[in-house]
Amino acid sequence: MKHITAIILLSLLSIAGTPAMARDINIAAIDSFINHIEQHNQGIGSVSVAYNGNILYTRHYGQHAVPPTCHNYNIGSITKTFTATLIHRLCNSGQLSLDTTLDNFFPTLSTADSITIAHLLNHTSGLADYTIKQDTLIQWLTQPVSQQDILDEIIRQDVIFAPGENVRYSNTAYYLLGRIIEQLYQAPYDVVIEREIVQPLSLSDTHSCRSQLHKAALPYRLNTANKWQQVDDFYFPNVAAVGDIVSSTADLITFANALFNGALVDNTSLTYMLPPEGNSFGGGLMLMPFYEHTFYGHAGDTYGTHTAVMHNPADSITIAIAINGCSAPRNDLLIGIASAIYDMEYEYPDYSKHQQYTATQDELRQYAGHFNSSLIDLPMSITYNEADGNLSLQLRGQPAIWLEAKSPGVFVNSPTGVGIKFKDNDRYTFMQFGRILIYTRQ
C-alpha cells in the first residue's frame, strides 16, 4: 500500500564482483552490522539470509527495548506477491487469463471493460488507492468498514489514466484481485492462502489476517520522549489480499525460493511476474538491485511494520527482513546486509546524526492545549502525557496521533505526514499533503 508499500531500490552503481557462494557469506560481518543497528537503538525486528534456500543466518534484534513478543510480522504489501501467485495459479489451471477483463467480475466500474487482469497485476490499470479515502483521509481503514464501503470508494475514485498508458502503484488493483480469487476459488482469501500456499509449503508462521491463527509482533515507533511506543495500525481485514498477511522471515524465504523454483507457478507465469527491462514493477514482483546483483521481491509497509524479501536467482541468495520498530531507514539495513554478503567495503551509518531531539518535560507541557484555524473548521487538541513523556495531536473526529520531536518546537508524525512547527507557545503551522494552515490557541 502506498503508505503500506515503498519500492526498495538499492545502489545502482556498477562494480566488478563475483557471485556469492555459501562459503563466501561472512556471517560475522552481518552480525556485526546488526549489532550496530541494535546498539544505537535504531530498530527492532528480524533478519534471515539464505543460500540455495537454506537459511544460514537468522537474528532477532532490538527485542530488549519492548515487551516480549512473537517473531511473526504483518508483512504489508509483500501480501501482493502471494495474491499475484494465486492469480497466476488460476491462469495456469485455465480458470483465468491475463486478458480477462474486469467487467466479468465488477461490471459497475466505469472502465471495467478495458481493464485486464494483466493491468491489475502490473500496476497499469489506472486505478487509484482506496486506502486513502477521498484522497485525504489516510486513516479511514483503521476501523472495520464493509466491502461495499470499499467498492463505493473505488467507484468514486474511478481511474486516473487510461489502462495501459502509465504505471502507478495501485492498492485498489490488488484489492479487486483478492475478490476475484475468492470468486473463482469459491472460498475466503484466508482459506485459499492456507490451502494453496501455506499448507503445501509447510509455512507454520504464515496466515491471512482473517485466520484464527493470526498473530503478529506489535509495531512501535520512537515517540516524543525518544522511547518506543506502540503504533495503532490498520484493521487488517480491510486490506485482505493487499497487505494483510502475517509471516516470519524464515517463511518468507521458503515462499520466495518455492516461487523461483517452480513449485507454485509455471515458468511462463514467473517470467511475467518479473519486471520487464527498464521497469520497477512486474506482475507481482519488483526489481530490487544491489550494484550489479539483481534481486527480485517485494517490500511492505504498514503504519508500524516494514518488511522486505528479495531473491537473486543468479546467486541463489535470499534476504528477508521484518522491522516492527523502525528508526533508521529500511534501506540502511538491506544495504548493510547485502554489503556483508558480497564482501564489499561499507561504512556503517553514523546514527548520531539520526538521533531524535529530546525535548524537556517543561517544554512539552507548554504546547498542550486546544487550537483553531481561521481558515478551516477543524479544531485540534495537543495533549502531553506525563506518564510516558509523549506529545500527541488529535483532529476533531479522528484518532490521536503521537508526535516525534525533531527540534525545538518542531514535531512530526511520519506515518500520516503531519508536521507542526510552533511559532510561539500559542501559534503553530500545521502541514500535511502540501497544505499549510496556521493554528492559534483557543
Protein backbone atom coordinates (compact mmCIF):
# COMPACT_ATOMS: atom_id res chain seq x y z
CA MET A 1 0.00 0.00 0.00
CA LYS A 2 1.25 3.42 -0.72
CA HIS A 3 1.60 4.11 2.95
CA ILE A 4 1.85 0.43 3.45
CA THR A 5 4.28 -0.24 0.43
CA ALA A 6 7.56 1.50 -0.73
CA ILE A 7 9.83 0.47 -3.58
CA ILE A 8 13.29 -0.51 -2.44
CA LEU A 9 15.94 0.41 -4.97
CA LEU A 10 19.39 -0.07 -3.55
CA SER A 11 22.53 1.46 -5.02
CA LEU A 12 22.62 1.19 -8.81
CA LEU A 13 26.37 1.69 -9.19
CA SER A 14 28.22 -0.92 -11.21
CA ILE A 15 31.38 -2.56 -9.92
CA ALA A 16 33.22 -5.77 -10.61
CA GLY A 17 32.31 -8.72 -8.43
CA THR A 18 31.74 -12.46 -8.31
CA PRO A 19 28.58 -14.33 -7.33
CA ALA A 20 28.45 -15.14 -3.64
CA MET A 21 28.55 -18.78 -2.64
CA ALA A 22 27.65 -20.13 0.77
CA ARG A 23 31.29 -20.30 1.82
CA ASP A 24 31.75 -16.63 0.89
CA ILE A 25 28.99 -15.27 3.09
CA ASN A 26 30.58 -13.63 6.10
CA ILE A 27 28.04 -14.32 8.85
CA ALA A 28 30.17 -12.47 11.40
CA ALA A 29 30.07 -9.34 9.22
CA ILE A 30 26.27 -9.49 9.01
CA ASP A 31 26.05 -9.96 12.77
CA SER A 32 28.43 -7.05 13.39
CA PHE A 33 26.24 -4.76 11.31
CA ILE A 34 23.07 -5.85 13.12
CA ASN A 35 24.88 -5.16 16.40
CA HIS A 36 25.49 -1.61 15.15
CA ILE A 37 21.76 -1.15 14.48
CA GLU A 38 20.83 -2.58 17.86
CA GLN A 39 23.43 -0.72 19.91
CA HIS A 40 22.24 2.61 18.54
CA ASN A 41 18.56 1.80 19.21
CA GLN A 42 17.74 2.15 15.52
CA GLY A 43 15.36 -0.75 15.14
CA ILE A 44 13.55 -3.84 16.37
CA GLY A 45 12.94 -6.83 14.17
CA SER A 46 14.24 -9.99 12.49
CA VAL A 47 16.66 -10.81 9.68
CA SER A 48 17.21 -14.06 7.76
CA VAL A 49 19.69 -14.83 4.97
CA ALA A 50 19.65 -17.99 2.86
CA TYR A 51 21.74 -19.63 0.16
CA ASN A 52 20.07 -22.18 -2.14
CA GLY A 53 17.01 -22.00 0.09
CA ASN A 54 18.96 -23.00 3.22
CA ILE A 55 18.90 -20.38 5.96
CA LEU A 56 22.45 -19.54 7.05
CA TYR A 57 21.63 -16.69 9.42
CA THR A 58 18.67 -15.54 11.50
CA ARG A 59 18.77 -12.79 14.10
CA HIS A 60 16.03 -11.20 16.20
CA TYR A 61 17.41 -7.83 17.30
CA GLY A 62 16.37 -4.90 19.48
CA GLN A 63 13.90 -7.09 21.35
CA HIS A 64 15.04 -5.90 24.78
CA ALA A 65 13.57 -2.45 24.09
CA VAL A 66 9.92 -3.58 24.13
CA PRO A 67 7.79 -6.20 25.94
CA PRO A 68 8.38 -9.82 24.84
CA THR A 69 6.56 -10.75 21.64
CA CYS A 70 6.50 -13.29 18.82
CA HIS A 71 8.69 -13.18 15.71
CA ASN A 72 5.84 -13.10 13.21
CA TYR A 73 5.11 -9.79 11.50
CA ASN A 74 2.47 -8.05 9.44
CA ILE A 75 4.26 -8.12 6.08
CA GLY A 76 2.21 -5.37 4.39
CA SER A 77 2.41 -5.33 0.63
CA ILE A 78 4.53 -8.47 0.34
CA THR A 79 0.99 -9.87 0.52
CA LYS A 80 0.62 -8.71 -3.09
CA THR A 81 3.16 -11.31 -4.23
CA PHE A 82 1.05 -14.02 -2.56
CA THR A 83 -2.04 -12.61 -4.28
CA ALA A 84 -0.29 -12.46 -7.66
CA THR A 85 0.85 -16.06 -7.18
CA LEU A 86 -2.75 -17.20 -6.64
CA ILE A 87 -3.89 -15.30 -9.75
CA HIS A 88 -1.17 -16.95 -11.85
CA ARG A 89 -2.14 -20.35 -10.46
CA LEU A 90 -5.67 -19.68 -11.73
CA CYS A 91 -4.20 -18.80 -15.11
CA ASN A 92 -2.09 -21.99 -15.08
CA SER A 93 -5.22 -24.05 -14.43
CA GLY A 94 -7.17 -22.34 -17.21
CA GLN A 95 -9.73 -20.68 -14.92
CA LEU A 96 -8.49 -17.20 -15.77
CA SER A 97 -6.48 -15.39 -18.43
CA LEU A 98 -4.25 -12.33 -18.25
CA ASP A 99 -6.53 -10.85 -20.95
CA THR A 100 -9.73 -11.37 -18.92
CA THR A 101 -11.38 -8.00 -18.32
CA LEU A 102 -12.61 -6.68 -15.02
CA ASP A 103 -16.23 -6.34 -16.13
CA ASN A 104 -16.55 -10.12 -15.76
CA PHE A 105 -16.38 -9.56 -12.01
CA PHE A 106 -17.12 -5.87 -11.34
CA PRO A 107 -19.37 -4.58 -14.14
CA THR A 108 -20.35 -1.42 -12.23
CA LEU A 109 -16.85 0.07 -12.53
CA SER A 110 -16.98 2.57 -15.41
CA THR A 111 -13.80 1.37 -17.14
CA ALA A 112 -14.03 -2.30 -16.16
CA ASP A 113 -14.38 -3.48 -19.76
CA SER A 114 -10.92 -2.07 -20.63
CA ILE A 115 -9.00 -3.16 -17.51
CA THR A 116 -7.45 -6.62 -17.77
CA ILE A 117 -6.03 -8.97 -15.16
CA ALA A 118 -2.59 -8.10 -16.57
CA HIS A 119 -3.25 -4.39 -15.92
CA LEU A 120 -4.21 -5.15 -12.33
CA LEU A 121 -1.11 -7.26 -11.72
CA ASN A 122 1.48 -4.85 -13.11
CA HIS A 123 0.02 -1.57 -11.80
CA THR A 124 -1.03 -0.21 -15.19
CA SER A 125 -4.80 -0.30 -14.56
CA GLY A 126 -5.11 3.42 -13.82
CA LEU A 127 -6.99 2.61 -10.61
CA ALA A 128 -6.02 4.81 -7.68
CA ASP A 129 -5.71 3.96 -3.98
CA TYR A 130 -8.81 3.10 -1.96
CA THR A 131 -6.75 3.15 1.26
CA ILE A 132 -6.82 6.96 1.03
CA LYS A 133 -10.50 7.83 1.18
CA GLN A 134 -11.48 10.87 -0.87
CA ASP A 135 -7.75 11.37 -1.48
CA THR A 136 -7.21 12.83 2.00
CA LEU A 137 -8.38 10.55 4.83
CA ILE A 138 -5.49 8.12 5.21
CA GLN A 139 -6.71 6.64 8.50
CA TRP A 140 -10.19 5.59 7.41
CA LEU A 141 -9.17 1.91 7.34
CA THR A 142 -8.02 1.76 10.95
CA GLN A 143 -11.56 0.66 11.89
CA PRO A 144 -13.77 -2.02 10.29
CA VAL A 145 -15.53 -0.97 7.09
CA SER A 146 -17.70 -3.05 4.81
CA GLN A 147 -16.69 -4.37 1.40
CA GLN A 148 -19.47 -2.25 -0.07
CA ASP A 149 -17.92 0.87 1.52
CA ILE A 150 -14.60 -0.02 -0.12
CA LEU A 151 -16.19 -0.69 -3.50
CA ASP A 152 -18.10 2.60 -3.30
CA GLU A 153 -14.81 4.42 -2.73
CA ILE A 154 -13.18 2.58 -5.64
CA ILE A 155 -16.08 3.55 -7.91
CA ARG A 156 -15.88 7.17 -6.70
CA GLN A 157 -12.14 7.37 -7.42
CA ASP A 158 -12.55 5.82 -10.89
CA VAL A 159 -9.27 5.83 -12.90
CA ILE A 160 -6.54 8.44 -13.12
CA PHE A 161 -5.30 7.37 -16.56
CA ALA A 162 -6.42 5.02 -19.31
CA PRO A 163 -5.46 1.38 -18.65
CA GLY A 164 -2.03 0.53 -20.04
CA GLU A 165 -0.99 4.15 -20.64
CA ASN A 166 1.04 4.62 -17.47
CA VAL A 167 2.28 2.92 -14.31
CA ARG A 168 1.08 3.80 -10.82
CA TYR A 169 1.22 1.54 -7.80
CA SER A 170 -2.35 0.54 -7.01
CA ASN A 171 -3.68 -0.96 -3.80
CA THR A 172 -7.11 -0.89 -5.41
CA ALA A 173 -5.98 -3.25 -8.19
CA TYR A 174 -4.84 -5.88 -5.70
CA TYR A 175 -7.96 -5.48 -3.57
CA LEU A 176 -10.01 -6.38 -6.64
CA LEU A 177 -7.66 -9.29 -7.47
CA GLY A 178 -8.32 -10.60 -3.96
CA ARG A 179 -12.05 -10.56 -4.53
CA ILE A 180 -11.60 -12.31 -7.91
CA ILE A 181 -9.59 -15.01 -6.14
CA GLU A 182 -12.45 -15.52 -3.68
CA GLN A 183 -14.98 -15.80 -6.50
CA LEU A 184 -13.00 -18.29 -8.58
CA TYR A 185 -11.71 -20.42 -5.72
CA GLN A 186 -15.15 -20.17 -4.07
CA ALA A 187 -13.60 -19.62 -0.65
CA PRO A 188 -12.47 -16.68 1.52
CA TYR A 189 -8.97 -15.34 0.87
CA ASP A 190 -7.55 -16.72 4.13
CA VAL A 191 -8.82 -20.22 3.30
CA VAL A 192 -7.33 -20.06 -0.21
CA ILE A 193 -3.94 -18.93 1.12
CA GLU A 194 -3.87 -21.80 3.60
CA ARG A 195 -4.90 -24.40 1.03
CA GLU A 196 -2.86 -23.27 -1.97
CA ILE A 197 0.36 -21.92 -0.41
CA VAL A 198 0.70 -22.29 3.37
CA GLN A 199 -0.03 -26.00 3.72
CA PRO A 200 1.86 -27.22 0.62
CA LEU A 201 4.96 -25.28 1.70
CA SER A 202 4.55 -26.01 5.45
CA LEU A 203 4.67 -22.32 6.30
CA SER A 204 3.96 -22.57 10.02
CA ASP A 205 4.09 -18.79 10.65
CA THR A 206 2.15 -17.54 7.62
CA HIS A 207 -1.56 -16.72 7.71
CA SER A 208 -4.04 -14.20 6.40
CA CYS A 209 -5.43 -11.75 8.95
CA ARG A 210 -8.83 -13.46 8.88
CA SER A 211 -7.32 -16.73 10.13
CA GLN A 212 -7.77 -17.71 13.76
CA LEU A 213 -4.01 -18.29 13.79
CA HIS A 214 -3.33 -14.61 13.05
CA LYS A 215 -0.73 -13.28 15.48
CA ALA A 216 1.87 -10.61 14.85
CA ALA A 217 4.50 -8.66 16.73
CA LEU A 218 3.19 -5.30 17.88
CA PRO A 219 4.54 -2.31 15.92
CA TYR A 220 6.47 0.55 17.55
CA ARG A 221 7.95 3.92 16.68
CA LEU A 222 10.08 6.33 18.69
CA ASN A 223 7.88 8.93 20.34
CA THR A 224 8.43 12.48 21.57
CA ALA A 225 10.45 11.23 24.52
CA ASN A 226 12.67 9.14 22.21
CA LYS A 227 11.15 5.94 23.58
CA TRP A 228 9.49 3.08 21.66
CA GLN A 229 5.73 3.48 21.69
CA GLN A 230 3.14 1.12 20.24
CA VAL A 231 1.53 2.29 17.00
CA ASP A 232 -2.12 1.97 16.01
CA ASP A 233 -2.13 0.02 12.75
CA PHE A 234 -4.59 -0.90 10.03
CA TYR A 235 -7.62 -3.01 10.74
CA PHE A 236 -6.16 -5.68 8.51
CA PRO A 237 -9.37 -7.33 7.21
CA ASN A 238 -9.85 -4.05 5.30
CA VAL A 239 -6.73 -4.81 3.27
CA ALA A 240 -7.15 -8.54 2.67
CA ALA A 241 -5.07 -9.62 -0.36
CA VAL A 242 -3.43 -6.17 -0.36
CA GLY A 243 -1.42 -6.08 2.84
CA ASP A 244 -2.92 -8.35 5.47
CA ILE A 245 -0.67 -11.44 5.68
CA VAL A 246 1.40 -12.28 8.76
CA SER A 247 4.64 -14.20 8.28
CA SER A 248 8.19 -14.71 9.56
CA THR A 249 11.48 -14.06 7.80
CA ALA A 250 12.08 -17.81 7.60
CA ASP A 251 8.69 -18.43 5.95
CA LEU A 252 9.26 -15.58 3.50
CA ILE A 253 12.50 -17.20 2.39
CA THR A 254 10.74 -20.55 1.92
CA PHE A 255 7.99 -18.87 -0.11
CA ALA A 256 10.42 -16.90 -2.31
CA ASN A 257 12.51 -19.96 -3.09
CA ALA A 258 9.43 -22.07 -3.88
CA LEU A 259 8.21 -19.36 -6.24
CA PHE A 260 11.51 -19.14 -8.13
CA ASN A 261 11.98 -22.92 -8.17
CA GLY A 262 8.68 -23.56 -9.95
CA ALA A 263 6.81 -25.09 -7.01
CA LEU A 264 3.97 -22.55 -7.18
CA VAL A 265 3.61 -21.30 -10.77
CA ASP A 266 4.93 -22.33 -14.17
CA ASN A 267 7.90 -20.64 -15.83
CA THR A 268 5.71 -18.51 -18.11
CA SER A 269 3.90 -17.04 -15.11
CA LEU A 270 7.15 -16.49 -13.19
CA THR A 271 8.61 -14.65 -16.16
CA TYR A 272 5.52 -12.41 -16.29
CA MET A 273 5.83 -11.70 -12.56
CA LEU A 274 9.33 -10.29 -13.09
CA PRO A 275 9.66 -6.61 -14.07
CA PRO A 276 10.42 -6.13 -17.79
CA GLU A 277 13.68 -4.40 -18.62
CA GLY A 278 13.58 -0.73 -17.67
CA ASN A 279 10.65 -1.12 -15.25
CA SER A 280 10.50 -1.46 -11.47
CA PHE A 281 7.18 -3.35 -11.34
CA GLY A 282 6.28 -6.70 -12.81
CA GLY A 283 3.17 -8.80 -12.45
CA GLY A 284 3.72 -9.45 -8.74
CA LEU A 285 7.42 -8.79 -8.13
CA MET A 286 9.60 -5.69 -8.01
CA LEU A 287 13.15 -5.02 -9.15
CA MET A 288 15.46 -4.64 -6.14
CA PRO A 289 19.03 -4.19 -7.44
CA PHE A 290 22.22 -4.03 -5.40
CA TYR A 291 25.11 -2.80 -7.54
CA GLU A 292 25.36 -5.35 -10.36
CA HIS A 293 23.47 -8.03 -8.40
CA THR A 294 19.83 -8.28 -9.48
CA PHE A 295 17.30 -9.18 -6.81
CA TYR A 296 13.56 -9.54 -7.26
CA GLY A 297 11.00 -9.44 -4.50
CA HIS A 298 8.66 -7.08 -2.70
CA ALA A 299 8.59 -4.67 0.20
CA GLY A 300 5.81 -3.98 2.64
CA ASP A 301 4.85 -1.15 4.97
CA THR A 302 2.05 -0.81 7.46
CA TYR A 303 1.73 2.13 9.84
CA GLY A 304 4.26 0.44 12.12
CA THR A 305 5.92 -2.56 10.41
CA HIS A 306 8.37 -2.54 7.49
CA THR A 307 9.39 -5.68 5.63
CA ALA A 308 11.18 -6.91 2.52
CA VAL A 309 12.01 -10.19 0.85
CA MET A 310 14.44 -10.26 -2.07
CA HIS A 311 15.84 -13.16 -4.10
CA ASN A 312 18.79 -13.21 -6.51
CA PRO A 313 18.22 -16.12 -8.93
CA ALA A 314 21.75 -15.91 -10.34
CA ASP A 315 23.45 -16.23 -6.95
CA SER A 316 20.73 -18.23 -5.13
CA ILE A 317 20.77 -15.65 -2.33
CA THR A 318 17.60 -14.69 -0.46
CA ILE A 319 17.27 -11.96 2.16
CA ALA A 320 14.21 -11.34 4.34
CA ILE A 321 13.79 -8.61 6.92
CA ALA A 322 10.91 -7.58 9.17
CA ILE A 323 11.08 -4.45 11.32
CA ASN A 324 8.41 -3.72 13.92
CA GLY A 325 10.36 -0.83 15.43
CA CYS A 326 11.89 1.42 12.79
CA SER A 327 14.07 4.47 13.29
CA ALA A 328 16.88 4.07 10.74
CA PRO A 329 15.69 3.72 7.12
CA ARG A 330 14.95 0.15 6.00
CA ASN A 331 17.41 0.63 3.14
CA ASP A 332 20.22 1.02 5.68
CA LEU A 333 19.53 -2.47 6.94
CA LEU A 334 19.33 -4.03 3.46
CA ILE A 335 22.47 -2.30 2.19
CA GLY A 336 24.45 -3.32 5.27
CA ILE A 337 23.38 -6.97 4.97
CA ALA A 338 23.97 -7.13 1.21
CA SER A 339 27.40 -5.49 1.59
CA ALA A 340 28.40 -8.19 4.07
CA ILE A 341 27.09 -10.95 1.80
CA TYR A 342 29.08 -9.70 -1.18
CA ASP A 343 32.16 -8.82 0.90
CA MET A 344 32.07 -5.16 -0.07
CA GLU A 345 33.61 -2.32 1.86
CA TYR A 346 30.85 -0.49 3.64
CA GLU A 347 31.00 2.31 6.19
CA TYR A 348 28.37 1.93 8.89
CA PRO A 349 25.88 4.82 9.04
CA ASP A 350 26.64 7.44 11.67
CA TYR A 351 23.46 7.24 13.68
CA SER A 352 24.47 10.09 15.94
CA LYS A 353 23.10 12.25 13.10
CA HIS A 354 19.79 10.37 13.19
CA GLN A 355 19.10 10.65 16.89
CA GLN A 356 15.89 12.46 17.69
CA TYR A 357 15.87 15.70 19.58
CA THR A 358 14.68 15.01 23.14
CA ALA A 359 12.50 17.80 24.47
CA THR A 360 12.24 18.55 28.18
CA GLN A 361 9.02 17.96 30.11
CA ASP A 362 8.60 21.70 30.72
CA GLU A 363 8.95 22.40 27.00
CA LEU A 364 6.36 19.79 26.04
CA ARG A 365 3.84 20.85 28.70
CA GLN A 366 3.68 24.38 27.32
CA TYR A 367 2.48 23.12 23.93
CA ALA A 368 -0.59 21.29 25.28
CA GLY A 369 -3.98 22.85 24.61
CA HIS A 370 -6.84 23.35 22.15
CA PHE A 371 -6.22 25.15 18.85
CA ASN A 372 -8.31 26.51 15.95
CA SER A 373 -7.61 27.77 12.44
CA SER A 374 -9.41 30.78 10.96
CA LEU A 375 -9.32 29.11 7.52
CA ILE A 376 -10.93 25.75 8.27
CA ASP A 377 -13.40 24.40 10.83
CA LEU A 378 -11.16 21.61 12.07
CA PRO A 379 -10.14 22.09 15.72
CA MET A 380 -7.09 20.29 17.07
CA SER A 381 -6.05 19.27 20.55
CA ILE A 382 -2.48 18.71 21.68
CA THR A 383 -2.04 16.56 24.78
CA TYR A 384 1.01 15.92 26.91
CA ASN A 385 1.11 12.60 28.78
CA GLU A 386 3.17 12.95 31.93
CA ALA A 387 3.49 9.18 32.37
CA ASP A 388 5.27 8.42 29.09
CA GLY A 389 6.57 11.88 28.20
CA ASN A 390 4.72 11.85 24.90
CA LEU A 391 3.02 14.64 22.99
CA SER A 392 0.02 13.71 20.81
CA LEU A 393 -2.23 15.58 18.41
CA GLN A 394 -5.90 14.91 17.67
CA LEU A 395 -8.04 16.42 14.94
CA ARG A 396 -11.75 16.53 15.61
CA GLY A 397 -13.33 13.19 14.70
CA GLN A 398 -10.01 11.40 14.14
CA PRO A 399 -7.80 9.20 16.35
CA ALA A 400 -4.97 10.82 18.29
CA ILE A 401 -1.50 10.50 16.75
CA TRP A 402 1.80 10.72 18.60
CA LEU A 403 4.40 13.33 17.63
CA GLU A 404 8.12 12.79 17.14
CA ALA A 405 10.32 15.67 18.32
CA LYS A 406 12.71 16.83 15.59
CA SER A 407 13.98 20.12 17.01
CA PRO A 408 12.68 22.73 19.49
CA GLY A 409 9.04 23.39 18.61
CA VAL A 410 9.06 21.08 15.57
CA PHE A 411 7.12 17.80 15.67
CA VAL A 412 6.03 15.26 13.04
CA ASN A 413 4.03 12.07 12.70
CA SER A 414 5.78 10.12 9.97
CA PRO A 415 3.01 7.63 9.02
CA THR A 416 0.44 10.37 8.34
CA GLY A 417 2.82 13.03 7.02
CA VAL A 418 1.61 15.53 9.64
CA GLY A 419 4.06 18.18 10.79
CA ILE A 420 3.63 21.11 13.16
CA LYS A 421 6.03 23.96 13.87
CA PHE A 422 5.38 26.29 16.79
CA LYS A 423 5.96 30.00 16.16
CA ASP A 424 5.45 30.62 19.88
CA ASN A 425 3.54 28.80 22.61
CA ASP A 426 0.17 29.93 21.22
CA ARG A 427 0.61 29.54 17.44
CA TYR A 428 1.85 26.80 15.17
CA THR A 429 1.95 25.93 11.49
CA PHE A 430 0.18 22.69 10.52
CA MET A 431 1.46 20.88 7.41
CA GLN A 432 0.11 17.83 5.56
CA PHE A 433 -0.05 16.88 1.86
CA GLY A 434 1.35 20.29 0.92
CA ARG A 435 -1.41 22.09 2.84
CA ILE A 436 -0.23 24.70 5.34
CA LEU A 437 -2.51 26.21 7.99
CA ILE A 438 -1.90 28.47 10.96
CA TYR A 439 -3.44 27.33 14.26
CA THR A 440 -3.94 29.55 17.30
CA ARG A 441 -4.61 28.59 20.90
CA GLN A 442 -8.26 28.94 21.97
